[in-house]
Each structure stands twice: as C-alpha cells, then as structure tokens.
C-alpha cells in the first residue's frame, strides 16, 4: 500500500487497520478488501487519505470494523477497536493456522468484550454523525462567505457605475446648456443682429 504523502500521521484506528493490510495482503488494499463483506474498495481506501473538504482523515466506520473482525477472526477485537492488547488473539500461532480458528471470533469473546465492541461501534457511529454535521456546517459557512464576497464585489461595481453615470450626466447637461446658449444667440442675431453683437461684446467686456 502506498504511503500517505501528507506529513499528517494517521489516526490510531486508521493506523491499526493499515497494519492489518500490511500483514495480511502485503499492503495490497484491494486484496484485503476482497475478503470483507459489504465493504466497497473506495469506502475502505479513503480512510488512508486526507479528505480535501474537511482536511482530516475519515474515521473508520463500524461497518469496516465489523467486516474485518468477521473476515479475519484471528485479529484481537480489543486491539483493533481501542488498541488494547496484542494484534492477534493467539500471538504464537502462525498465519497459516488462522483457518483452524473460529469463523467468527466474536462467538468466543467474553460478554464484556461484546459489550465493549457494541459500545465502541455506537460511539463510532455517533462520531460519524457529528463529523458529517460539522462538514455540513463548514460547507454552509463557505457558501455564505462566497455569497458575501460576491455581494461586496457587486456593490463595489455598482458604486463605480454610479460614479461614471453621474459624470456622464453632468457632461451631457453642460453640453445641452451650451447648445441652448448657441440657439439663443442665433435667435437674437435673426431678430436683431445688433443685439446679438452687443450681447457678445458685452460678454467679452465682462471677461476683460
């Protein structure tokens, strides 16, 4: 199995599952998953890689824990779930002797072990629900942040457009006023050319 390139270490649960993959299938995840009941390769393999959306490793689901215990009965359930004890229930046995063990190790566990496993699986499911809720809230916050940025950008663009429109209107008003003044001068010249001339001269005198 190819190691995770990210420097962030695997969570303890994920690391223990990785050790089993290394032991039983020489790191071949696909070969290991083939023996697991109702577990997809994609769902299993993702626990070894950081989720890009959340930035953390996905937790090992109760379905994966249960499937491993059933498919590999020689594995110590307490070690797998909480890291207590040794990896294998009977450490001195070779892997070739595993077929002689019970097909379901859970049948031979004590009641306290069963209770422990059931409790752990319930906690694992609860953690999964909490993580999903956190991811959902993060996604919502990200969406809101994007919308807020978009609104601010639009408001800034509108402000700029308003300024440009205001400037354009002012220029048009000046141009219209100039045209009106020219028309007024033309009317004066038509009715009394001398008045238009006097008005023009008066303006020149005032400017001087």
C-alpha atoms as a PDB file:
ATOM      1  CA  UNK A   1       0.000   0.000   0.000  1.00  0.00           C
ATOM      2  CA  UNK A   2       1.381   3.387  -0.983  1.00  0.00           C
ATOM      3  CA  UNK A   3       2.027   5.615   1.993  1.00  0.00           C
ATOM      4  CA  UNK A   4       0.156   8.842   2.511  1.00  0.00           C
ATOM      5  CA  UNK A   5       2.289  11.673   1.102  1.00  0.00           C
ATOM      6  CA  UNK A   6       0.879  14.158   3.623  1.00  0.00           C
ATOM      7  CA  UNK A   7       3.000  14.517   6.763  1.00  0.00           C
ATOM      8  CA  UNK A   8      -0.081  14.369   8.991  1.00  0.00           C
ATOM      9  CA  UNK A   9       0.011  10.985  10.773  1.00  0.00           C
ATOM     10  CA  UNK A  10      -2.880   8.567  10.501  1.00  0.00           C
ATOM     11  CA  UNK A  11      -5.289   8.416  13.458  1.00  0.00           C
ATOM     12  CA  UNK A  12      -4.656   5.406  15.721  1.00  0.00           C
ATOM     13  CA  UNK A  13      -7.684   3.456  14.442  1.00  0.00           C
ATOM     14  CA  UNK A  14      -6.734   4.012  10.807  1.00  0.00           C
ATOM     15  CA  UNK A  15      -3.120   3.069  11.542  1.00  0.00           C
ATOM     16  CA  UNK A  16      -4.170  -0.250  13.102  1.00  0.00           C
ATOM     17  CA  UNK A  17      -6.251  -1.091  10.042  1.00  0.00           C
ATOM     18  CA  UNK A  18      -3.260  -0.195   7.872  1.00  0.00           C
ATOM     19  CA  UNK A  19      -1.104  -2.615   9.867  1.00  0.00           C
ATOM     20  CA  UNK A  20      -3.598  -5.390   9.144  1.00  0.00           C
ATOM     21  CA  UNK A  21      -3.500  -4.613   5.432  1.00  0.00           C
ATOM     22  CA  UNK A  22       0.291  -4.796   5.543  1.00  0.00           C
ATOM     23  CA  UNK A  23       0.195  -8.089   7.444  1.00  0.00           C
ATOM     24  CA  UNK A  24      -2.482  -9.996   5.541  1.00  0.00           C
ATOM     25  CA  UNK A  25      -2.034  -8.676   1.990  1.00  0.00           C
ATOM     26  CA  UNK A  26       1.439  -7.100   1.944  1.00  0.00           C
ATOM     27  CA  UNK A  27      -0.103  -3.646   1.653  1.00  0.00           C
ATOM     28  CA  UNK A  28      -2.458  -4.564  -1.192  1.00  0.00           C
ATOM     29  CA  UNK A  29      -5.687  -2.798  -0.199  1.00  0.00           C
ATOM     30  CA  UNK A  30      -7.719  -4.373  -2.987  1.00  0.00           C
ATOM     31  CA  UNK A  31      -6.743  -7.905  -1.936  1.00  0.00           C
ATOM     32  CA  UNK A  32      -7.545  -7.141   1.687  1.00  0.00           C
ATOM     33  CA  UNK A  33     -10.973  -5.676   0.868  1.00  0.00           C
ATOM     34  CA  UNK A  34     -11.931  -8.700  -1.238  1.00  0.00           C
ATOM     35  CA  UNK A  35     -12.435 -10.684   1.956  1.00  0.00           C
ATOM     36  CA  UNK A  36     -14.565  -8.024   3.623  1.00  0.00           C
ATOM     37  CA  UNK A  37     -18.321  -8.404   3.373  1.00  0.00           C
ATOM     38  CA  UNK A  38     -20.379  -5.427   2.142  1.00  0.00           C
ATOM     39  CA  UNK A  39     -17.403  -3.050   2.101  1.00  0.00           C
ATOM     40  CA  UNK A  40     -16.501  -1.169  -1.079  1.00  0.00           C
ATOM     41  CA  UNK A  41     -12.895  -0.533  -2.049  1.00  0.00           C
ATOM     42  CA  UNK A  42     -13.479   3.230  -2.358  1.00  0.00           C
ATOM     43  CA  UNK A  43     -15.030   3.464   1.106  1.00  0.00           C
ATOM     44  CA  UNK A  44     -12.204   1.469   2.636  1.00  0.00           C
ATOM     45  CA  UNK A  45      -9.294   3.101   0.838  1.00  0.00           C
ATOM     46  CA  UNK A  46     -10.389   6.653   1.719  1.00  0.00           C
ATOM     47  CA  UNK A  47      -9.539   6.130   5.414  1.00  0.00           C
ATOM     48  CA  UNK A  48      -5.852   6.308   4.425  1.00  0.00           C
ATOM     49  CA  UNK A  49      -6.145   9.670   2.675  1.00  0.00           C
ATOM     50  CA  UNK A  50      -6.994  13.135   3.953  1.00  0.00           C
ATOM     51  CA  UNK A  51     -10.395  14.422   2.869  1.00  0.00           C
ATOM     52  CA  UNK A  52      -9.820  17.589   0.826  1.00  0.00           C
ATOM     53  CA  UNK A  53     -13.077  19.130   2.006  1.00  0.00           C
ATOM     54  CA  UNK A  54     -12.580  18.652   5.745  1.00  0.00           C
ATOM     55  CA  UNK A  55      -8.780  18.498   5.858  1.00  0.00           C
ATOM     56  CA  UNK A  56      -8.818  15.408   8.098  1.00  0.00           C
ATOM     57  CA  UNK A  57      -8.685  11.647   7.709  1.00  0.00           C
ATOM     58  CA  UNK A  58     -12.135   9.993   7.526  1.00  0.00           C
ATOM     59  CA  UNK A  59     -12.895   7.834  10.560  1.00  0.00           C
ATOM     60  CA  UNK A  60     -13.115   4.048  10.346  1.00  0.00           C
ATOM     61  CA  UNK A  61     -16.820   3.177  10.197  1.00  0.00           C
ATOM     62  CA  UNK A  62     -18.488   0.494  12.288  1.00  0.00           C
ATOM     63  CA  UNK A  63     -19.204  -1.450   9.079  1.00  0.00           C
ATOM     64  CA  UNK A  64     -15.481  -1.708   8.340  1.00  0.00           C
ATOM     65  CA  UNK A  65     -14.630  -2.763  11.909  1.00  0.00           C
ATOM     66  CA  UNK A  66     -17.311  -5.452  11.870  1.00  0.00           C
ATOM     67  CA  UNK A  67     -16.293  -6.728   8.432  1.00  0.00           C
ATOM     68  CA  UNK A  68     -12.625  -7.017   9.477  1.00  0.00           C
ATOM     69  CA  UNK A  69     -13.461  -8.929  12.653  1.00  0.00           C
ATOM     70  CA  UNK A  70     -15.642 -11.360  10.710  1.00  0.00           C
ATOM     71  CA  UNK A  71     -13.218 -11.817   7.796  1.00  0.00           C
ATOM     72  CA  UNK A  72     -10.086 -12.071   9.955  1.00  0.00           C
ATOM     73  CA  UNK A  73     -11.182 -13.851  13.168  1.00  0.00           C
ATOM     74  CA  UNK A  74      -7.594 -14.187  14.381  1.00  0.00           C
ATOM     75  CA  UNK A  75      -7.456 -10.424  14.940  1.00  0.00           C
ATOM     76  CA  UNK A  76      -7.949  -9.336  18.537  1.00  0.00           C
ATOM     77  CA  UNK A  77     -11.131  -7.154  18.549  1.00  0.00           C
ATOM     78  CA  UNK A  78      -9.975  -5.106  21.540  1.00  0.00           C
ATOM     79  CA  UNK A  79      -6.693  -4.289  19.849  1.00  0.00           C
ATOM     80  CA  UNK A  80      -8.479  -3.309  16.638  1.00  0.00           C
ATOM     81  CA  UNK A  81     -11.062  -1.116  18.339  1.00  0.00           C
ATOM     82  CA  UNK A  82      -9.170   0.540  21.186  1.00  0.00           C
ATOM     83  CA  UNK A  83      -5.552  -0.573  20.806  1.00  0.00           C
ATOM     84  CA  UNK A  84      -5.653  -2.761  23.916  1.00  0.00           C
ATOM     85  CA  UNK A  85      -3.637  -5.999  23.992  1.00  0.00           C
ATOM     86  CA  UNK A  86      -1.883  -7.684  21.067  1.00  0.00           C
ATOM     87  CA  UNK A  87      -2.795  -7.643  17.404  1.00  0.00           C
ATOM     88  CA  UNK A  88      -3.754 -11.329  17.378  1.00  0.00           C
ATOM     89  CA  UNK A  89      -5.833 -13.243  19.891  1.00  0.00           C
ATOM     90  CA  UNK A  90      -3.272 -16.064  19.899  1.00  0.00           C
ATOM     91  CA  UNK A  91       0.070 -14.401  19.256  1.00  0.00           C
ATOM     92  CA  UNK A  92       2.069 -17.641  18.975  1.00  0.00           C
ATOM     93  CA  UNK A  93       0.067 -19.018  16.047  1.00  0.00           C
ATOM     94  CA  UNK A  94       1.340 -18.604  12.504  1.00  0.00           C
ATOM     95  CA  UNK A  95      -0.861 -17.036   9.857  1.00  0.00           C
ATOM     96  CA  UNK A  96      -1.284 -20.459   8.215  1.00  0.00           C
ATOM     97  CA  UNK A  97      -3.021 -21.741  11.361  1.00  0.00           C
ATOM     98  CA  UNK A  98      -5.666 -18.999  11.184  1.00  0.00           C
ATOM     99  CA  UNK A  99      -8.060 -21.280   9.264  1.00  0.00           C
ATOM    100  CA  UNK A 100      -8.298 -23.515  12.341  1.00  0.00           C
ATOM    101  CA  UNK A 101      -9.757 -20.678  14.397  1.00  0.00           C
ATOM    102  CA  UNK A 102     -13.487 -19.998  14.652  1.00  0.00           C
ATOM    103  CA  UNK A 103     -15.070 -18.381  11.572  1.00  0.00           C
ATOM    104  CA  UNK A 104     -16.435 -15.741  13.880  1.00  0.00           C
ATOM    105  CA  UNK A 105     -14.140 -14.657  16.668  1.00  0.00           C
ATOM    106  CA  UNK A 106     -16.970 -12.731  18.331  1.00  0.00           C
ATOM    107  CA  UNK A 107     -18.643 -16.015  19.322  1.00  0.00           C
ATOM    108  CA  UNK A 108     -15.693 -16.801  21.581  1.00  0.00           C
ATOM    109  CA  UNK A 109     -15.326 -13.400  23.184  1.00  0.00           C
ATOM    110  CA  UNK A 110     -16.492 -12.825  26.702  1.00  0.00           C
ATOM    111  CA  UNK A 111     -19.684 -10.886  27.345  1.00  0.00           C
ATOM    112  CA  UNK A 112     -17.676  -7.893  28.495  1.00  0.00           C
ATOM    113  CA  UNK A 113     -15.789  -7.882  25.198  1.00  0.00           C
ATOM    114  CA  UNK A 114     -19.027  -7.993  23.251  1.00  0.00           C
ATOM    115  CA  UNK A 115     -20.435  -5.151  25.291  1.00  0.00           C
ATOM    116  CA  UNK A 116     -17.252  -3.188  24.738  1.00  0.00           C
ATOM    117  CA  UNK A 117     -17.376  -3.715  20.984  1.00  0.00           C
ATOM    118  CA  UNK A 118     -21.068  -2.809  20.759  1.00  0.00           C
ATOM    119  CA  UNK A 119     -20.478   0.336  22.775  1.00  0.00           C
ATOM    120  CA  UNK A 120     -17.481   1.312  20.673  1.00  0.00           C
ATOM    121  CA  UNK A 121     -19.402   0.842  17.444  1.00  0.00           C
ATOM    122  CA  UNK A 122     -22.224   3.023  18.733  1.00  0.00           C
ATOM    123  CA  UNK A 123     -19.724   5.712  19.697  1.00  0.00           C
ATOM    124  CA  UNK A 124     -18.076   5.413  16.275  1.00  0.00           C
ATOM    125  CA  UNK A 125     -21.435   5.908  14.564  1.00  0.00           C
ATOM    126  CA  UNK A 126     -22.121   8.936  16.774  1.00  0.00           C
ATOM    127  CA  UNK A 127     -18.735  10.401  15.874  1.00  0.00           C
ATOM    128  CA  UNK A 128     -19.505   9.888  12.200  1.00  0.00           C
ATOM    129  CA  UNK A 129     -22.792  11.778  12.581  1.00  0.00           C
ATOM    130  CA  UNK A 130     -21.031  14.609  14.408  1.00  0.00           C
ATOM    131  CA  UNK A 131     -18.322  14.837  11.736  1.00  0.00           C
ATOM    132  CA  UNK A 132     -20.932  14.877   8.978  1.00  0.00           C
ATOM    133  CA  UNK A 133     -22.763  17.674  10.787  1.00  0.00           C
ATOM    134  CA  UNK A 134     -19.521  19.644  11.138  1.00  0.00           C
ATOM    135  CA  UNK A 135     -18.723  19.159   7.459  1.00  0.00           C
ATOM    136  CA  UNK A 136     -22.229  20.297   6.508  1.00  0.00           C
ATOM    137  CA  UNK A 137     -21.892  23.448   8.631  1.00  0.00           C
ATOM    138  CA  UNK A 138     -18.445  24.147   7.160  1.00  0.00           C
ATOM    139  CA  UNK A 139     -19.880  23.812   3.658  1.00  0.00           C
ATOM    140  CA  UNK A 140     -22.710  26.212   4.547  1.00  0.00           C
ATOM    141  CA  UNK A 141     -20.289  28.738   6.044  1.00  0.00           C
ATOM    142  CA  UNK A 142     -18.086  28.503   2.965  1.00  0.00           C
ATOM    143  CA  UNK A 143     -21.101  29.079   0.721  1.00  0.00           C
ATOM    144  CA  UNK A 144     -22.187  32.080   2.806  1.00  0.00           C
ATOM    145  CA  UNK A 145     -18.678  33.519   2.655  1.00  0.00           C
ATOM    146  CA  UNK A 146     -18.633  33.166  -1.139  1.00  0.00           C
ATOM    147  CA  UNK A 147     -22.047  34.847  -1.396  1.00  0.00           C
ATOM    148  CA  UNK A 148     -20.918  37.698   0.892  1.00  0.00           C
ATOM    149  CA  UNK A 149     -17.787  38.254  -1.208  1.00  0.00           C
ATOM    150  CA  UNK A 150     -19.907  38.259  -4.364  1.00  0.00           C
ATOM    151  CA  UNK A 151     -22.334  40.795  -2.871  1.00  0.00           C
ATOM    152  CA  UNK A 152     -19.465  43.085  -1.839  1.00  0.00           C
ATOM    153  CA  UNK A 153     -17.986  42.839  -5.326  1.00  0.00           C
ATOM    154  CA  UNK A 154     -21.333  43.680  -6.939  1.00  0.00           C
ATOM    155  CA  UNK A 155     -21.851  46.630  -4.578  1.00  0.00           C
ATOM    156  CA  UNK A 156     -18.385  47.966  -5.397  1.00  0.00           C
ATOM    157  CA  UNK A 157     -19.095  47.616  -9.126  1.00  0.00           C
ATOM    158  CA  UNK A 158     -22.445  49.393  -8.740  1.00  0.00           C
ATOM    159  CA  UNK A 159     -20.775  52.268  -6.889  1.00  0.00           C
ATOM    160  CA  UNK A 160     -18.250  52.631  -9.690  1.00  0.00           C
ATOM    161  CA  UNK A 161     -21.006  52.532 -12.312  1.00  0.00           C
ATOM    162  CA  UNK A 162     -22.991  55.201 -10.440  1.00  0.00           C
ATOM    163  CA  UNK A 163     -19.961  57.491 -10.397  1.00  0.00           C
ATOM    164  CA  UNK A 164     -19.413  57.036 -14.126  1.00  0.00           C
ATOM    165  CA  UNK A 165     -23.103  57.626 -14.892  1.00  0.00           C
ATOM    166  CA  UNK A 166     -23.145  60.764 -12.727  1.00  0.00           C
ATOM    167  CA  UNK A 167     -20.093  62.139 -14.542  1.00  0.00           C
ATOM    168  CA  UNK A 168     -21.641  61.338 -17.916  1.00  0.00           C
ATOM    169  CA  UNK A 169     -24.926  63.047 -16.973  1.00  0.00           C
ATOM    170  CA  UNK A 170     -23.089  66.161 -15.796  1.00  0.00           C
ATOM    171  CA  UNK A 171     -21.207  66.336 -19.087  1.00  0.00           C
ATOM    172  CA  UNK A 172     -24.432  65.921 -21.032  1.00  0.00           C
ATOM    173  CA  UNK A 173     -26.088  68.694 -19.026  1.00  0.00           C
ATOM    174  CA  UNK A 174     -23.180  71.041 -19.786  1.00  0.00           C
ATOM    175  CA  UNK A 175     -23.362  70.132 -23.459  1.00  0.00           C
ATOM    176  CA  UNK A 176     -27.131  70.766 -23.517  1.00  0.00           C
ATOM    177  CA  UNK A 177     -26.664  74.120 -21.779  1.00  0.00           C
ATOM    178  CA  UNK A 178     -24.055  75.082 -24.346  1.00  0.00           C
ATOM    179  CA  UNK A 179     -26.381  74.142 -27.199  1.00  0.00           C
ATOM    180  CA  UNK A 180     -29.225  76.181 -25.666  1.00  0.00           C
ATOM    181  CA  UNK A 181     -26.944  79.193 -25.360  1.00  0.00           C
ATOM    182  CA  UNK A 182     -25.939  78.874 -29.002  1.00  0.00           C
ATOM    183  CA  UNK A 183     -29.597  78.683 -30.060  1.00  0.00           C
ATOM    184  CA  UNK A 184     -30.357  81.797 -28.016  1.00  0.00           C
ATOM    185  CA  UNK A 185     -27.576  83.675 -29.774  1.00  0.00           C
ATOM    186  CA  UNK A 186     -28.853  82.564 -33.174  1.00  0.00           C
ATOM    187  CA  UNK A 187     -32.374  83.816 -32.377  1.00  0.00           C
ATOM    188  CA  UNK A 188     -31.030  87.196 -31.297  1.00  0.00           C
ATOM    189  CA  UNK A 189     -29.000  87.514 -34.469  1.00  0.00           C
ATOM    190  CA  UNK A 190     -32.042  86.709 -36.627  1.00  0.00           C
ATOM    191  CA  UNK A 191     -34.354  89.192 -34.901  1.00  0.00           C
ATOM    192  CA  UNK A 192     -31.780  91.948 -34.340  1.00  0.00           C
ATOM    193  CA  UNK A 193     -28.230  91.271 -35.443  1.00  0.00           C
ATOM    194  CA  UNK A 194     -27.038  94.303 -33.491  1.00  0.00           C
ATOM    195  CA  UNK A 195     -28.460  92.862 -30.238  1.00  0.00           C
ATOM    196  CA  UNK A 196     -26.596  89.640 -30.756  1.00  0.00           C
ATOM    197  CA  UNK A 197     -23.456  91.592 -31.456  1.00  0.00           C
ATOM    198  CA  UNK A 198     -23.988  93.824 -28.394  1.00  0.00           C
ATOM    199  CA  UNK A 199     -24.608  90.744 -26.208  1.00  0.00           C
ATOM    200  CA  UNK A 200     -21.460  89.120 -27.488  1.00  0.00           C
ATOM    201  CA  UNK A 201     -19.474  92.301 -26.996  1.00  0.00           C
ATOM    202  CA  UNK A 202     -20.914  92.655 -23.534  1.00  0.00           C
ATOM    203  CA  UNK A 203     -19.721  89.213 -22.622  1.00  0.00           C
ATOM    204  CA  UNK A 204     -16.261  89.997 -23.966  1.00  0.00           C
ATOM    205  CA  UNK A 205     -16.180  93.207 -21.918  1.00  0.00           C
ATOM    206  CA  UNK A 206     -17.205  91.339 -18.825  1.00  0.00           C
ATOM    207  CA  UNK A 207     -14.473  88.778 -19.409  1.00  0.00           C
ATOM    208  CA  UNK A 208     -11.936  91.533 -19.774  1.00  0.00           C
END
